[in-house]
Amino acid sequence: MKLVKISAFAAALVMSSLAMAEGGGDRTFEKMMTANDRSVELFVAREQARDPVVVNDKKDDKTQDL
């Protein structure tokens, strides 16, 4: 009976260590963050290459509101 309890305890320890092992979630998250950083860099580079849009908020007597 003592051998059965020890075996069950050992099996529980083995199962818990397998359940806590890394399943690749950290690697997937790192890959996602790298892809996000790269896409942000490309977006910023593309936006800097465009001509700036000039907004003139100053209105005079001839300007009509839409």
C-alpha atoms as a PDB file:
ATOM      1  CA  MET A   1       0.000   0.000   0.000  1.00  0.00           C
ATOM      2  CA  LYS A   2       2.870   2.325   0.774  1.00  0.00           C
ATOM      3  CA  LEU A   3       4.354   1.638  -2.668  1.00  0.00           C
ATOM      4  CA  VAL A   4       1.059   2.597  -4.331  1.00  0.00           C
ATOM      5  CA  LYS A   5       0.947   5.933  -2.481  1.00  0.00           C
ATOM      6  CA  ILE A   6       4.551   6.711  -3.375  1.00  0.00           C
ATOM      7  CA  SER A   7       3.906   5.801  -7.011  1.00  0.00           C
ATOM      8  CA  ALA A   8       0.789   7.988  -7.123  1.00  0.00           C
ATOM      9  CA  PHE A   9       2.709  10.883  -5.579  1.00  0.00           C
ATOM     10  CA  ALA A  10       5.557  10.469  -8.078  1.00  0.00           C
ATOM     11  CA  ALA A  11       3.077  10.325 -10.967  1.00  0.00           C
ATOM     12  CA  ALA A  12       1.399  13.511  -9.712  1.00  0.00           C
ATOM     13  CA  LEU A  13       4.767  15.293  -9.583  1.00  0.00           C
ATOM     14  CA  VAL A  14       5.658  14.166 -13.095  1.00  0.00           C
ATOM     15  CA  MET A  15       2.283  15.250 -14.482  1.00  0.00           C
ATOM     16  CA  SER A  16       2.462  18.666 -12.827  1.00  0.00           C
ATOM     17  CA  SER A  17       5.953  19.298 -14.175  1.00  0.00           C
ATOM     18  CA  LEU A  18       4.776  18.410 -17.674  1.00  0.00           C
ATOM     19  CA  ALA A  19       1.760  20.684 -17.347  1.00  0.00           C
ATOM     20  CA  MET A  20       3.950  23.612 -16.293  1.00  0.00           C
ATOM     21  CA  ALA A  21       6.404  23.164 -19.166  1.00  0.00           C
ATOM     22  CA  GLU A  22       6.579  25.906 -21.756  1.00  0.00           C
ATOM     23  CA  GLY A  23       4.157  25.223 -24.569  1.00  0.00           C
ATOM     24  CA  GLY A  24       5.515  27.775 -27.015  1.00  0.00           C
ATOM     25  CA  GLY A  25       3.352  30.667 -25.882  1.00  0.00           C
ATOM     26  CA  ASP A  26       6.371  32.833 -25.076  1.00  0.00           C
ATOM     27  CA  ARG A  27       7.889  32.197 -28.491  1.00  0.00           C
ATOM     28  CA  THR A  28       4.589  32.994 -30.194  1.00  0.00           C
ATOM     29  CA  PHE A  29       4.218  36.233 -28.221  1.00  0.00           C
ATOM     30  CA  GLU A  30       7.789  37.256 -29.059  1.00  0.00           C
ATOM     31  CA  LYS A  31       7.190  36.570 -32.745  1.00  0.00           C
ATOM     32  CA  MET A  32       3.977  38.613 -32.652  1.00  0.00           C
ATOM     33  CA  MET A  33       5.700  41.558 -30.950  1.00  0.00           C
ATOM     34  CA  THR A  34       8.566  41.464 -33.461  1.00  0.00           C
ATOM     35  CA  ALA A  35       6.109  41.529 -36.364  1.00  0.00           C
ATOM     36  CA  ASN A  36       4.226  44.404 -34.725  1.00  0.00           C
ATOM     37  CA  ASP A  37       7.415  46.437 -34.222  1.00  0.00           C
ATOM     38  CA  ARG A  38       8.407  45.863 -37.841  1.00  0.00           C
ATOM     39  CA  SER A  39       4.989  46.938 -39.144  1.00  0.00           C
ATOM     40  CA  VAL A  40       5.115  50.109 -37.032  1.00  0.00           C
ATOM     41  CA  GLU A  41       8.570  50.914 -38.407  1.00  0.00           C
ATOM     42  CA  LEU A  42       7.328  50.453 -41.967  1.00  0.00           C
ATOM     43  CA  PHE A  43       4.279  52.629 -41.274  1.00  0.00           C
ATOM     44  CA  VAL A  44       6.402  55.443 -39.836  1.00  0.00           C
ATOM     45  CA  ALA A  45       8.825  55.273 -42.776  1.00  0.00           C
ATOM     46  CA  ARG A  46       5.936  55.407 -45.250  1.00  0.00           C
ATOM     47  CA  GLU A  47       4.301  58.346 -43.464  1.00  0.00           C
ATOM     48  CA  GLN A  48       7.563  60.299 -43.372  1.00  0.00           C
ATOM     49  CA  ALA A  49       7.995  59.777 -47.119  1.00  0.00           C
ATOM     50  CA  ARG A  50       4.661  61.463 -47.876  1.00  0.00           C
ATOM     51  CA  ASP A  51       4.286  65.180 -48.376  1.00  0.00           C
ATOM     52  CA  PRO A  52       3.006  66.849 -45.215  1.00  0.00           C
ATOM     53  CA  VAL A  53      -0.614  67.941 -45.162  1.00  0.00           C
ATOM     54  CA  VAL A  54      -1.000  71.597 -44.297  1.00  0.00           C
ATOM     55  CA  VAL A  55      -4.105  72.573 -42.384  1.00  0.00           C
ATOM     56  CA  ASN A  56      -4.950  76.229 -42.232  1.00  0.00           C
ATOM     57  CA  ASP A  57      -7.417  76.964 -39.466  1.00  0.00           C
ATOM     58  CA  LYS A  58      -7.320  80.686 -40.087  1.00  0.00           C
ATOM     59  CA  LYS A  59     -10.577  81.925 -41.633  1.00  0.00           C
ATOM     60  CA  ASP A  60     -11.299  85.194 -43.284  1.00  0.00           C
ATOM     61  CA  ASP A  61     -14.498  86.926 -44.386  1.00  0.00           C
ATOM     62  CA  LYS A  62     -14.660  85.030 -47.693  1.00  0.00           C
ATOM     63  CA  THR A  63     -14.444  81.554 -46.150  1.00  0.00           C
ATOM     64  CA  GLN A  64     -17.727  79.712 -45.720  1.00  0.00           C
ATOM     65  CA  ASP A  65     -18.489  77.038 -43.190  1.00  0.00           C
ATOM     66  CA  LEU A  66     -19.648  73.755 -44.677  1.00  0.00           C
END
